[in-house]
Amino acid sequence: MTGPEPQDATDATDATGATEPTGATEPTEPTEPTEPTEPTDHAGSAGSDVILVLSGPNLDLLGSREPEIYGADTLERHIERAREVAASNGFGVEHLQSNHEGDLIDAIHGARDRCAAIVINAAAFTHYAWGIHDALAAYQGPVVEVHLSNPASREPWRASSVVAPVATGCVAGFGGLGYEMAVQAAARLVREGAAR
């Protein structure tokens, strides 16, 4: 006997009959990747040319929120430069910014077996969002944590990261270069077949 029928398009039934959301958020359209220079047998998902970039709470305010800490560039500008770096490495970028933890978790779930790598700036969620930690732990490919500022040089509570234990590496304190550096690192990790 099979489990109950899905209730709507956002529900799916697993083998135990439990109903789980399949992901209600849709990341932005990926850029067209250029021809890859290396084979695309990627650690995150075989054949995927997509790097998922996730931005957490309040990052939609970049450019106007505390520019002395986070700089004057908008999130859109950071992502534009990250897309350029990705394209030069044969990848496209999907980006999602959300002020809601569940949206980011759904995007991570949706990246499983689909995206080559994840770059994540969990922002304030970095310090306490164990749901994001658990979702990233279930993702099979490289995960690069990124922060525009250097959390270790700020308030003591910012030094703790729940993302770090499940990340391949971290880029922090390089301001506007952070997203570019993180995407570059993710692309290289994928090409080298790295997994966590």
C-alpha atoms as a PDB file:
ATOM      1  CA  MET A   1       0.000   0.000   0.000  1.00  0.00           C
ATOM      2  CA  THR A   2       1.298   3.443  -0.835  1.00  0.00           C
ATOM      3  CA  GLY A   3       1.348   6.524   1.370  1.00  0.00           C
ATOM      4  CA  PRO A   4      -1.187   9.344   1.204  1.00  0.00           C
ATOM      5  CA  GLU A   5      -1.444  11.356  -1.990  1.00  0.00           C
ATOM      6  CA  PRO A   6       0.390  14.702  -2.011  1.00  0.00           C
ATOM      7  CA  GLN A   7      -1.868  17.505  -0.855  1.00  0.00           C
ATOM      8  CA  ASP A   8      -0.669  20.053  -3.429  1.00  0.00           C
ATOM      9  CA  ALA A   9       2.231  20.844  -5.721  1.00  0.00           C
ATOM     10  CA  THR A  10       4.468  21.809  -2.798  1.00  0.00           C
ATOM     11  CA  ASP A  11       4.082  18.488  -0.974  1.00  0.00           C
ATOM     12  CA  ALA A  12       5.672  15.148  -1.784  1.00  0.00           C
ATOM     13  CA  THR A  13       5.340  11.805  -0.054  1.00  0.00           C
ATOM     14  CA  ASP A  14       8.485   9.888   0.840  1.00  0.00           C
ATOM     15  CA  ALA A  15       8.839   6.115   1.209  1.00  0.00           C
ATOM     16  CA  THR A  16       7.564   6.217   4.793  1.00  0.00           C
ATOM     17  CA  GLY A  17       4.409   8.040   3.786  1.00  0.00           C
ATOM     18  CA  ALA A  18       5.503  11.308   5.438  1.00  0.00           C
ATOM     19  CA  THR A  19       4.623  14.421   3.532  1.00  0.00           C
ATOM     20  CA  GLU A  20       7.452  16.904   3.044  1.00  0.00           C
ATOM     21  CA  PRO A  21       7.559  20.256   1.257  1.00  0.00           C
ATOM     22  CA  THR A  22       9.409  20.124  -2.056  1.00  0.00           C
ATOM     23  CA  GLY A  23      10.430  23.775  -1.975  1.00  0.00           C
ATOM     24  CA  ALA A  24       8.239  26.810  -2.221  1.00  0.00           C
ATOM     25  CA  THR A  25      10.897  29.317  -3.230  1.00  0.00           C
ATOM     26  CA  GLU A  26      12.320  29.761  -6.664  1.00  0.00           C
ATOM     27  CA  PRO A  27      15.855  31.130  -6.979  1.00  0.00           C
ATOM     28  CA  THR A  28      16.542  33.667  -9.675  1.00  0.00           C
ATOM     29  CA  GLU A  29      17.189  32.434 -13.196  1.00  0.00           C
ATOM     30  CA  PRO A  30      20.686  31.044 -13.714  1.00  0.00           C
ATOM     31  CA  THR A  31      23.014  32.823 -16.054  1.00  0.00           C
ATOM     32  CA  GLU A  32      24.016  31.058 -19.233  1.00  0.00           C
ATOM     33  CA  PRO A  33      27.238  29.232 -18.447  1.00  0.00           C
ATOM     34  CA  THR A  34      30.110  29.455 -20.871  1.00  0.00           C
ATOM     35  CA  GLU A  35      31.639  26.308 -22.295  1.00  0.00           C
ATOM     36  CA  PRO A  36      33.329  24.468 -19.418  1.00  0.00           C
ATOM     37  CA  THR A  37      37.079  24.117 -19.634  1.00  0.00           C
ATOM     38  CA  GLU A  38      37.060  20.934 -17.566  1.00  0.00           C
ATOM     39  CA  PRO A  39      34.777  17.885 -17.550  1.00  0.00           C
ATOM     40  CA  THR A  40      31.571  18.541 -15.639  1.00  0.00           C
ATOM     41  CA  ASP A  41      31.456  15.453 -13.443  1.00  0.00           C
ATOM     42  CA  HIS A  42      30.881  17.595 -10.375  1.00  0.00           C
ATOM     43  CA  ALA A  43      30.850  16.528  -6.778  1.00  0.00           C
ATOM     44  CA  GLY A  44      27.518  18.197  -5.961  1.00  0.00           C
ATOM     45  CA  SER A  45      25.572  16.814  -8.892  1.00  0.00           C
ATOM     46  CA  ALA A  46      27.091  14.994 -11.822  1.00  0.00           C
ATOM     47  CA  GLY A  47      26.926  17.196 -14.881  1.00  0.00           C
ATOM     48  CA  SER A  48      25.583  20.294 -13.130  1.00  0.00           C
ATOM     49  CA  ASP A  49      26.948  23.679 -14.143  1.00  0.00           C
ATOM     50  CA  VAL A  50      25.057  25.632 -11.471  1.00  0.00           C
ATOM     51  CA  ILE A  51      26.407  27.148  -8.267  1.00  0.00           C
ATOM     52  CA  LEU A  52      23.665  28.108  -5.827  1.00  0.00           C
ATOM     53  CA  VAL A  53      24.426  31.356  -3.978  1.00  0.00           C
ATOM     54  CA  LEU A  54      22.341  32.004  -0.863  1.00  0.00           C
ATOM     55  CA  SER A  55      22.140  35.301   1.021  1.00  0.00           C
ATOM     56  CA  GLY A  56      20.509  35.536   4.413  1.00  0.00           C
ATOM     57  CA  PRO A  57      18.648  38.179   6.403  1.00  0.00           C
ATOM     58  CA  ASN A  58      19.218  41.901   5.936  1.00  0.00           C
ATOM     59  CA  LEU A  59      21.605  41.416   3.026  1.00  0.00           C
ATOM     60  CA  ASP A  60      18.925  42.969   0.813  1.00  0.00           C
ATOM     61  CA  LEU A  61      19.880  46.212   2.591  1.00  0.00           C
ATOM     62  CA  LEU A  62      23.511  46.144   1.456  1.00  0.00           C
ATOM     63  CA  GLY A  63      24.606  49.489   0.098  1.00  0.00           C
ATOM     64  CA  SER A  64      22.636  51.404   2.712  1.00  0.00           C
ATOM     65  CA  ARG A  65      23.024  49.327   5.896  1.00  0.00           C
ATOM     66  CA  GLU A  66      26.200  50.090   7.845  1.00  0.00           C
ATOM     67  CA  PRO A  67      28.380  50.842   4.797  1.00  0.00           C
ATOM     68  CA  GLU A  68      31.371  51.366   7.104  1.00  0.00           C
ATOM     69  CA  ILE A  69      31.178  47.608   7.848  1.00  0.00           C
ATOM     70  CA  TYR A  70      29.586  46.091   4.737  1.00  0.00           C
ATOM     71  CA  GLY A  71      30.623  48.578   2.044  1.00  0.00           C
ATOM     72  CA  ALA A  72      28.615  50.684  -0.389  1.00  0.00           C
ATOM     73  CA  ASP A  73      27.851  48.021  -3.021  1.00  0.00           C
ATOM     74  CA  THR A  74      24.402  46.497  -3.204  1.00  0.00           C
ATOM     75  CA  LEU A  75      23.771  42.764  -3.024  1.00  0.00           C
ATOM     76  CA  GLU A  76      22.798  42.904  -6.697  1.00  0.00           C
ATOM     77  CA  ARG A  77      26.267  44.240  -7.542  1.00  0.00           C
ATOM     78  CA  HIS A  78      27.969  41.486  -5.508  1.00  0.00           C
ATOM     79  CA  ILE A  79      25.915  38.848  -7.315  1.00  0.00           C
ATOM     80  CA  GLU A  80      26.593  40.418 -10.706  1.00  0.00           C
ATOM     81  CA  ARG A  81      30.344  40.106 -10.109  1.00  0.00           C
ATOM     82  CA  ALA A  82      29.917  36.568  -8.758  1.00  0.00           C
ATOM     83  CA  ARG A  83      28.064  35.630 -11.969  1.00  0.00           C
ATOM     84  CA  GLU A  84      30.977  36.984 -14.027  1.00  0.00           C
ATOM     85  CA  VAL A  85      33.445  34.856 -12.072  1.00  0.00           C
ATOM     86  CA  ALA A  86      31.206  31.805 -12.367  1.00  0.00           C
ATOM     87  CA  ALA A  87      30.785  32.272 -16.128  1.00  0.00           C
ATOM     88  CA  SER A  88      34.535  32.572 -16.604  1.00  0.00           C
ATOM     89  CA  ASN A  89      34.791  29.146 -14.941  1.00  0.00           C
ATOM     90  CA  GLY A  90      32.001  27.528 -16.971  1.00  0.00           C
ATOM     91  CA  PHE A  91      29.248  27.824 -14.356  1.00  0.00           C
ATOM     92  CA  GLY A  92      25.976  29.659 -13.964  1.00  0.00           C
ATOM     93  CA  VAL A  93      24.714  31.138 -10.704  1.00  0.00           C
ATOM     94  CA  GLU A  94      21.310  30.860  -9.115  1.00  0.00           C
ATOM     95  CA  HIS A  95      20.820  33.343  -6.308  1.00  0.00           C
ATOM     96  CA  LEU A  96      18.283  33.563  -3.528  1.00  0.00           C
ATOM     97  CA  GLN A  97      18.188  36.200  -0.802  1.00  0.00           C
ATOM     98  CA  SER A  98      15.726  35.671   1.992  1.00  0.00           C
ATOM     99  CA  ASN A  99      15.057  37.035   5.440  1.00  0.00           C
ATOM    100  CA  HIS A 100      13.345  33.712   6.289  1.00  0.00           C
ATOM    101  CA  GLU A 101      15.275  30.636   7.398  1.00  0.00           C
ATOM    102  CA  GLY A 102      12.790  28.196   5.865  1.00  0.00           C
ATOM    103  CA  ASP A 103      13.249  29.703   2.392  1.00  0.00           C
ATOM    104  CA  LEU A 104      16.995  29.083   2.590  1.00  0.00           C
ATOM    105  CA  ILE A 105      16.470  25.536   3.869  1.00  0.00           C
ATOM    106  CA  ASP A 106      14.069  24.808   0.998  1.00  0.00           C
ATOM    107  CA  ALA A 107      16.623  26.143  -1.500  1.00  0.00           C
ATOM    108  CA  ILE A 108      19.341  23.908   0.002  1.00  0.00           C
ATOM    109  CA  HIS A 109      17.038  20.896  -0.235  1.00  0.00           C
ATOM    110  CA  GLY A 110      16.310  21.806  -3.856  1.00  0.00           C
ATOM    111  CA  ALA A 111      20.046  21.935  -4.622  1.00  0.00           C
ATOM    112  CA  ARG A 112      20.571  18.270  -3.731  1.00  0.00           C
ATOM    113  CA  ASP A 113      21.392  16.252  -6.842  1.00  0.00           C
ATOM    114  CA  ARG A 114      20.913  19.440  -8.904  1.00  0.00           C
ATOM    115  CA  CYS A 115      23.597  22.036  -8.113  1.00  0.00           C
ATOM    116  CA  ALA A 116      27.354  21.562  -8.295  1.00  0.00           C
ATOM    117  CA  ALA A 117      28.099  23.648  -5.167  1.00  0.00           C
ATOM    118  CA  ILE A 118      26.581  26.057  -2.667  1.00  0.00           C
ATOM    119  CA  VAL A 119      27.969  29.432  -1.600  1.00  0.00           C
ATOM    120  CA  ILE A 120      26.181  30.754   1.470  1.00  0.00           C
ATOM    121  CA  ASN A 121      26.230  33.996   3.417  1.00  0.00           C
ATOM    122  CA  ALA A 122      23.786  33.041   6.129  1.00  0.00           C
ATOM    123  CA  ALA A 123      24.243  36.474   7.772  1.00  0.00           C
ATOM    124  CA  ALA A 124      22.735  36.463  11.287  1.00  0.00           C
ATOM    125  CA  PHE A 125      21.489  32.886  10.752  1.00  0.00           C
ATOM    126  CA  THR A 126      25.172  31.879  10.798  1.00  0.00           C
ATOM    127  CA  HIS A 127      25.188  32.022  14.577  1.00  0.00           C
ATOM    128  CA  TYR A 128      22.112  30.003  15.534  1.00  0.00           C
ATOM    129  CA  ALA A 129      20.204  28.471  12.587  1.00  0.00           C
ATOM    130  CA  TRP A 130      20.718  24.778  13.196  1.00  0.00           C
ATOM    131  CA  GLY A 131      18.085  24.012  10.548  1.00  0.00           C
ATOM    132  CA  ILE A 132      20.415  25.521   7.928  1.00  0.00           C
ATOM    133  CA  HIS A 133      23.297  23.502   9.398  1.00  0.00           C
ATOM    134  CA  ASP A 134      21.294  20.278   9.097  1.00  0.00           C
ATOM    135  CA  ALA A 135      20.154  21.046   5.531  1.00  0.00           C
ATOM    136  CA  LEU A 136      23.745  21.760   4.454  1.00  0.00           C
ATOM    137  CA  ALA A 137      24.909  18.547   6.150  1.00  0.00           C
ATOM    138  CA  ALA A 138      22.528  16.630   3.853  1.00  0.00           C
ATOM    139  CA  TYR A 139      23.945  18.316   0.741  1.00  0.00           C
ATOM    140  CA  GLN A 140      26.606  16.203  -0.958  1.00  0.00           C
ATOM    141  CA  GLY A 141      28.748  18.839  -2.718  1.00  0.00           C
ATOM    142  CA  PRO A 142      31.153  21.608  -1.741  1.00  0.00           C
ATOM    143  CA  VAL A 143      29.793  24.362   0.510  1.00  0.00           C
ATOM    144  CA  VAL A 144      31.628  27.680   0.796  1.00  0.00           C
ATOM    145  CA  GLU A 145      30.640  29.997   3.657  1.00  0.00           C
ATOM    146  CA  VAL A 146      31.129  33.702   2.890  1.00  0.00           C
ATOM    147  CA  HIS A 147      30.959  36.879   4.974  1.00  0.00           C
ATOM    148  CA  LEU A 148      31.693  40.425   3.830  1.00  0.00           C
ATOM    149  CA  SER A 149      33.051  41.418   7.239  1.00  0.00           C
ATOM    150  CA  ASN A 150      35.294  39.327   9.455  1.00  0.00           C
ATOM    151  CA  PRO A 151      32.990  37.941  12.167  1.00  0.00           C
ATOM    152  CA  ALA A 152      35.971  36.937  14.333  1.00  0.00           C
ATOM    153  CA  SER A 153      37.043  40.590  14.641  1.00  0.00           C
ATOM    154  CA  ARG A 154      33.618  41.834  15.710  1.00  0.00           C
ATOM    155  CA  GLU A 155      31.345  41.183  18.700  1.00  0.00           C
ATOM    156  CA  PRO A 156      32.145  37.876  20.455  1.00  0.00           C
ATOM    157  CA  TRP A 157      28.746  36.334  19.628  1.00  0.00           C
ATOM    158  CA  ARG A 158      29.540  36.645  15.896  1.00  0.00           C
ATOM    159  CA  ALA A 159      32.579  34.362  16.189  1.00  0.00           C
ATOM    160  CA  SER A 160      30.410  31.237  16.418  1.00  0.00           C
ATOM    161  CA  SER A 161      29.172  29.668  13.173  1.00  0.00           C
ATOM    162  CA  VAL A 162      26.763  26.752  12.840  1.00  0.00           C
ATOM    163  CA  VAL A 163      27.592  26.686   9.116  1.00  0.00           C
ATOM    164  CA  ALA A 164      31.360  26.175   9.568  1.00  0.00           C
ATOM    165  CA  PRO A 165      31.186  22.522  10.699  1.00  0.00           C
ATOM    166  CA  VAL A 166      29.407  21.543   7.460  1.00  0.00           C
ATOM    167  CA  ALA A 167      31.250  23.911   5.102  1.00  0.00           C
ATOM    168  CA  THR A 168      34.221  22.972   2.955  1.00  0.00           C
ATOM    169  CA  GLY A 169      35.759  26.372   3.699  1.00  0.00           C
ATOM    170  CA  CYS A 170      35.076  29.991   4.569  1.00  0.00           C
ATOM    171  CA  VAL A 171      35.855  33.348   2.937  1.00  0.00           C
ATOM    172  CA  ALA A 172      35.516  36.247   5.383  1.00  0.00           C
ATOM    173  CA  GLY A 173      36.604  39.837   5.773  1.00  0.00           C
ATOM    174  CA  PHE A 174      37.277  40.714   2.127  1.00  0.00           C
ATOM    175  CA  GLY A 175      34.247  42.953   1.666  1.00  0.00           C
ATOM    176  CA  GLY A 176      32.982  43.092  -1.887  1.00  0.00           C
ATOM    177  CA  LEU A 177      35.517  40.533  -3.066  1.00  0.00           C
ATOM    178  CA  GLY A 178      33.982  37.903  -0.792  1.00  0.00           C
ATOM    179  CA  TYR A 179      31.265  36.608  -3.102  1.00  0.00           C
ATOM    180  CA  GLU A 180      33.683  36.531  -6.062  1.00  0.00           C
ATOM    181  CA  MET A 181      36.317  34.664  -4.055  1.00  0.00           C
ATOM    182  CA  ALA A 182      33.746  32.204  -2.719  1.00  0.00           C
ATOM    183  CA  VAL A 183      32.381  31.427  -6.199  1.00  0.00           C
ATOM    184  CA  GLN A 184      35.935  31.026  -7.534  1.00  0.00           C
ATOM    185  CA  ALA A 185      36.719  28.609  -4.699  1.00  0.00           C
ATOM    186  CA  ALA A 186      33.492  26.665  -5.261  1.00  0.00           C
ATOM    187  CA  ALA A 187      34.205  26.336  -8.991  1.00  0.00           C
ATOM    188  CA  ARG A 188      37.710  25.054  -8.332  1.00  0.00           C
ATOM    189  CA  LEU A 189      36.529  22.602  -5.684  1.00  0.00           C
ATOM    190  CA  VAL A 190      33.953  21.231  -8.109  1.00  0.00           C
ATOM    191  CA  ARG A 191      36.493  20.883 -10.934  1.00  0.00           C
ATOM    192  CA  GLU A 192      38.833  19.030  -8.570  1.00  0.00           C
ATOM    193  CA  GLY A 193      36.020  16.720  -7.477  1.00  0.00           C
ATOM    194  CA  ALA A 194      36.121  17.865  -3.869  1.00  0.00           C
ATOM    195  CA  ALA A 195      33.372  16.971  -1.485  1.00  0.00           C
ATOM    196  CA  ARG A 196      33.053  17.832   2.173  1.00  0.00           C
END
